[in-house]
Amino acid sequence: MSLFRVFVDGQLFYHLYMQVQEKMIRRANLHSGVSRKKRVYSSKYALSSIVYCPKCGEIYRRIAWNNRGKHSTVWRCCTRVEHGPGKCDAPTIQESELQAAVVKAINLALGNREGMMEVLQENIETVIRQGDETSAEGINARLEELQKELLRLANSKKDYNGVADEIDHLRELKQKALTESAEREGLKQRIREMREFLEQQSTEVTEYDELLVRRLIEKVTVYDERFEVEFKSGMKVDVER
């Protein structure tokens, strides 16, 4: 998997080429670990279900916190909330800090507009190449040949089990190819939206905007010393805490 890094004003930008299958798996599960139950929280807040703990793989939950009479809104790892720091010692984050990090990530992307545009173009080209490699058209052509062969063998009262097995296998591959094609189209749309944002937004974002976060942000991972903010276009930005 190719990796690109660009330093802008001391900040590290990096982009991982999209692997469509990995995206599908990650979206199917809100967190790592097959044994974990899915968590679904209200979509009232744009950051719900997209803020992750790298230590246990769980999502962060928004909590109204009362610390010795001081009220605030924080985000905490679900494992820590439910089972205590012995199970996961992920840091508690003030909502204001989390929102500020997302705003900073968006502004860093705007500040490196030209470099980001180049990466987005590379993304598009990569997605197109992946589509060429897993085309459903080629599978359809082979399926037609095999179905004719199956009929020929059946009419001749010969064993056709091997051909039937291959047809079943190709049908599965076709379904997978169609699913991946739909996923690629969605990714291309998200890349186009990011390009439009970079082209149209002439000034820095000055405050946190729920609608903008829903439009642009895919995932935020909370590390001890930094936030990793992933855009829906596939780009990632590190923001120091």
Protein backbone atom coordinates (compact mmCIF):
# COMPACT_ATOMS: atom_id res chain seq x y z
CA MET A 1 0.00 0.00 0.00
CA SER A 2 1.56 3.29 -1.12
CA LEU A 3 2.07 6.05 1.44
CA PHE A 4 2.46 9.77 0.79
CA ARG A 5 3.62 12.26 3.44
CA VAL A 6 3.75 16.06 3.20
CA PHE A 7 4.89 18.47 5.93
CA VAL A 8 3.05 21.78 6.11
CA ASP A 9 3.87 24.28 8.87
CA GLY A 10 5.32 21.51 10.98
CA GLN A 11 2.21 19.37 10.67
CA LEU A 12 2.25 15.91 9.12
CA PHE A 13 -0.23 15.15 6.35
CA TYR A 14 -0.45 11.65 5.02
CA HIS A 15 -2.60 9.65 2.64
CA LEU A 16 -3.09 5.91 2.30
CA TYR A 17 -4.29 4.63 -1.05
CA MET A 18 -7.83 3.34 -0.63
CA GLN A 19 -8.34 -0.38 -0.33
CA VAL A 20 -12.04 -0.77 -1.07
CA GLN A 21 -12.48 -4.10 0.69
CA GLU A 22 -10.95 -2.77 3.90
CA LYS A 23 -13.38 0.14 3.80
CA MET A 24 -16.32 -2.21 3.41
CA ILE A 25 -15.21 -4.29 6.39
CA ARG A 26 -14.62 -1.26 8.60
CA ARG A 27 -17.98 0.28 7.76
CA ALA A 28 -19.76 -2.99 8.44
CA ASN A 29 -18.40 -2.91 11.98
CA LEU A 30 -18.29 0.22 14.10
CA HIS A 31 -15.24 -1.16 15.87
CA SER A 32 -12.67 -3.92 15.56
CA GLY A 33 -13.33 -7.41 16.92
CA VAL A 34 -16.02 -9.72 15.61
CA SER A 35 -17.16 -10.68 19.07
CA ARG A 36 -18.02 -7.09 20.02
CA LYS A 37 -21.64 -6.01 19.71
CA LYS A 38 -22.39 -3.11 17.41
CA ARG A 39 -23.04 0.18 19.15
CA VAL A 40 -25.53 2.56 17.64
CA TYR A 41 -25.99 5.97 19.21
CA SER A 42 -28.10 8.94 18.27
CA SER A 43 -26.94 10.71 15.12
CA LYS A 44 -27.89 14.01 16.76
CA TYR A 45 -24.17 14.78 17.02
CA ALA A 46 -21.93 14.54 13.95
CA LEU A 47 -19.11 12.97 15.96
CA SER A 48 -21.27 10.14 17.33
CA SER A 49 -19.97 6.71 16.28
CA ILE A 50 -16.96 8.12 14.39
CA VAL A 51 -14.60 8.89 17.31
CA TYR A 52 -12.45 5.84 18.07
CA CYS A 53 -10.12 4.56 20.77
CA PRO A 54 -6.93 3.01 19.29
CA LYS A 55 -6.25 0.99 22.46
CA CYS A 56 -9.36 -1.22 22.53
CA GLY A 57 -11.05 -0.37 19.23
CA GLU A 58 -14.23 0.94 20.84
CA ILE A 59 -15.98 4.19 19.95
CA TYR A 60 -16.10 7.24 22.18
CA ARG A 61 -19.37 8.28 23.79
CA ARG A 62 -20.55 11.82 24.53
CA ILE A 63 -21.12 12.31 28.28
CA ALA A 64 -22.36 15.15 30.48
CA TRP A 65 -19.68 15.06 33.19
CA ASN A 66 -19.79 16.38 36.73
CA ASN A 67 -16.31 16.53 38.23
CA ARG A 68 -16.47 17.83 41.82
CA GLY A 69 -19.31 20.15 41.00
CA LYS A 70 -17.79 21.35 37.74
CA HIS A 71 -20.09 20.49 34.82
CA SER A 72 -18.73 19.87 31.34
CA THR A 73 -19.31 17.76 28.24
CA VAL A 74 -16.67 15.15 27.50
CA TRP A 75 -16.08 12.18 25.21
CA ARG A 76 -14.94 8.89 26.76
CA CYS A 77 -14.09 5.43 25.46
CA CYS A 78 -17.07 3.08 25.95
CA THR A 79 -14.86 0.34 27.39
CA ARG A 80 -13.57 2.71 30.06
CA VAL A 81 -17.08 4.00 30.79
CA GLU A 82 -18.53 0.51 31.22
CA HIS A 83 -15.61 -1.43 32.70
CA GLY A 84 -13.28 1.15 34.20
CA PRO A 85 -9.65 2.21 33.53
CA GLY A 86 -8.42 -1.30 34.32
CA LYS A 87 -9.86 -2.46 30.99
CA CYS A 88 -8.89 0.62 28.98
CA ASP A 89 -7.01 3.72 30.10
CA ALA A 90 -7.89 5.83 27.05
CA PRO A 91 -7.95 9.56 27.82
CA THR A 92 -11.13 11.53 28.46
CA ILE A 93 -11.46 14.41 25.99
CA GLN A 94 -13.24 17.69 26.52
CA GLU A 95 -15.76 18.24 23.74
CA SER A 96 -14.30 21.68 23.04
CA GLU A 97 -10.83 20.15 22.47
CA LEU A 98 -12.22 17.47 20.16
CA GLN A 99 -14.18 19.97 18.10
CA ALA A 100 -11.19 22.33 17.90
CA ALA A 101 -9.02 19.47 16.60
CA VAL A 102 -11.51 18.71 13.82
CA VAL A 103 -11.65 22.40 12.83
CA LYS A 104 -7.85 22.54 12.80
CA ALA A 105 -7.67 19.43 10.60
CA ILE A 106 -10.06 21.00 8.08
CA ASN A 107 -8.04 24.24 8.06
CA LEU A 108 -4.78 22.31 7.60
CA ALA A 109 -6.32 20.67 4.55
CA LEU A 110 -7.34 24.11 3.25
CA GLY A 111 -3.84 25.44 3.94
CA ASN A 112 -2.32 22.74 1.75
CA ARG A 113 -4.96 23.04 -0.96
CA GLU A 114 -2.63 22.34 -3.89
CA GLY A 115 -1.02 19.26 -2.34
CA MET A 116 -4.40 17.90 -1.32
CA MET A 117 -5.76 18.35 -4.84
CA GLU A 118 -2.90 16.26 -6.21
CA VAL A 119 -3.56 13.48 -3.71
CA LEU A 120 -7.29 13.51 -4.50
CA GLN A 121 -6.50 13.11 -8.21
CA GLU A 122 -4.24 10.16 -7.37
CA ASN A 123 -7.09 8.69 -5.32
CA ILE A 124 -9.48 8.91 -8.26
CA GLU A 125 -6.96 7.23 -10.58
CA THR A 126 -6.36 4.44 -8.05
CA VAL A 127 -10.08 3.78 -7.63
CA ILE A 128 -10.51 3.60 -11.41
CA ARG A 129 -7.64 1.11 -11.69
CA GLN A 130 -9.19 -1.05 -8.98
CA GLY A 131 -12.42 -1.05 -10.98
CA ASP A 132 -10.59 -2.28 -14.08
CA GLU A 133 -9.12 -5.17 -12.08
CA THR A 134 -12.47 -6.41 -10.73
CA SER A 135 -14.85 -5.80 -13.63
CA ALA A 136 -18.18 -7.64 -13.53
CA GLU A 137 -18.26 -7.61 -17.34
CA GLY A 138 -15.43 -10.12 -17.63
CA ILE A 139 -17.17 -12.37 -15.09
CA ASN A 140 -20.43 -12.18 -17.09
CA ALA A 141 -18.67 -13.29 -20.26
CA ARG A 142 -17.16 -16.30 -18.51
CA LEU A 143 -20.51 -17.15 -16.91
CA GLU A 144 -22.20 -17.27 -20.32
CA GLU A 145 -19.54 -19.68 -21.59
CA LEU A 146 -19.93 -21.95 -18.57
CA GLN A 147 -23.72 -21.97 -18.74
CA LYS A 148 -23.52 -23.14 -22.34
CA GLU A 149 -21.02 -25.80 -21.31
CA LEU A 150 -23.32 -26.90 -18.48
CA LEU A 151 -26.24 -27.36 -20.88
CA ARG A 152 -24.04 -29.29 -23.32
CA LEU A 153 -22.84 -31.66 -20.58
CA ALA A 154 -26.34 -32.11 -19.17
CA ASN A 155 -27.79 -32.92 -22.59
CA SER A 156 -24.99 -35.42 -23.17
CA LYS A 157 -25.69 -36.93 -19.72
CA LYS A 158 -22.11 -36.24 -18.65
CA ASP A 159 -20.86 -35.11 -15.24
CA TYR A 160 -21.31 -31.36 -14.94
CA ASN A 161 -20.65 -30.91 -11.19
CA GLY A 162 -17.28 -29.23 -11.77
CA VAL A 163 -18.82 -26.69 -14.15
CA ALA A 164 -21.72 -26.06 -11.77
CA ASP A 165 -19.28 -25.40 -8.90
CA GLU A 166 -17.35 -22.92 -11.03
CA ILE A 167 -20.59 -21.15 -11.99
CA ASP A 168 -21.51 -20.83 -8.29
CA HIS A 169 -18.05 -19.46 -7.53
CA LEU A 170 -18.27 -16.92 -10.38
CA ARG A 171 -21.71 -15.78 -9.23
CA GLU A 172 -20.23 -15.04 -5.81
CA LEU A 173 -17.37 -13.14 -7.45
CA LYS A 174 -19.85 -11.18 -9.55
CA GLN A 175 -21.84 -10.15 -6.48
CA LYS A 176 -18.64 -9.10 -4.76
CA ALA A 177 -17.56 -7.12 -7.85
CA LEU A 178 -20.93 -5.33 -7.98
CA THR A 179 -20.72 -4.47 -4.28
CA GLU A 180 -17.18 -3.17 -4.66
CA SER A 181 -18.20 -1.18 -7.73
CA ALA A 182 -20.95 0.55 -5.72
CA GLU A 183 -18.43 1.25 -2.96
CA ARG A 184 -15.97 2.74 -5.47
CA GLU A 185 -18.69 5.00 -6.90
CA GLY A 186 -19.44 6.21 -3.38
CA LEU A 187 -15.76 6.88 -2.75
CA LYS A 188 -15.42 8.80 -6.03
CA GLN A 189 -18.38 10.95 -4.99
CA ARG A 190 -16.80 11.69 -1.60
CA ILE A 191 -13.53 12.62 -3.33
CA ARG A 192 -15.43 14.98 -5.65
CA GLU A 193 -17.14 16.59 -2.65
CA MET A 194 -13.76 17.17 -0.98
CA ARG A 195 -12.42 18.74 -4.18
CA GLU A 196 -15.44 21.04 -4.36
CA PHE A 197 -14.94 22.08 -0.74
CA LEU A 198 -11.25 22.87 -1.29
CA GLU A 199 -12.08 24.84 -4.45
CA GLN A 200 -14.99 26.83 -3.00
CA GLN A 201 -13.86 27.51 0.58
CA SER A 202 -11.76 30.65 0.26
CA THR A 203 -11.25 31.35 3.99
CA GLU A 204 -10.41 29.33 7.07
CA VAL A 205 -13.20 27.70 9.06
CA THR A 206 -13.57 29.77 12.22
CA GLU A 207 -15.91 27.58 14.27
CA TYR A 208 -17.08 23.99 14.60
CA ASP A 209 -19.89 23.16 12.17
CA GLU A 210 -21.95 19.96 12.57
CA LEU A 211 -23.07 19.96 8.93
CA LEU A 212 -19.53 20.41 7.64
CA VAL A 213 -18.27 17.56 9.84
CA ARG A 214 -21.01 15.25 8.54
CA ARG A 215 -20.04 16.18 5.01
CA LEU A 216 -16.26 15.80 5.31
CA ILE A 217 -15.16 13.66 8.28
CA GLU A 218 -15.08 9.86 8.26
CA LYS A 219 -13.27 9.04 11.50
CA VAL A 220 -11.36 10.59 14.41
CA THR A 221 -8.92 8.46 16.43
CA VAL A 222 -7.90 9.74 19.86
CA TYR A 223 -4.27 9.04 20.77
CA ASP A 224 -2.52 10.19 23.95
CA GLU A 225 -0.59 12.95 22.16
CA ARG A 226 -2.52 13.54 18.94
CA PHE A 227 -5.78 13.22 17.02
CA GLU A 228 -5.85 11.41 13.70
CA VAL A 229 -8.60 12.89 11.54
CA GLU A 230 -9.64 10.92 8.45
CA PHE A 231 -11.64 12.63 5.74
CA LYS A 232 -14.30 10.81 3.72
CA SER A 233 -12.09 11.29 0.67
CA GLY A 234 -9.48 8.99 2.26
CA MET A 235 -6.95 11.61 3.38
CA LYS A 236 -5.73 11.70 6.97
CA VAL A 237 -4.34 14.56 9.02
CA ASP A 238 -2.53 14.49 12.36
CA VAL A 239 -3.37 17.24 14.89
CA GLU A 240 -1.24 17.49 18.01
CA ARG A 241 -3.08 17.63 21.33
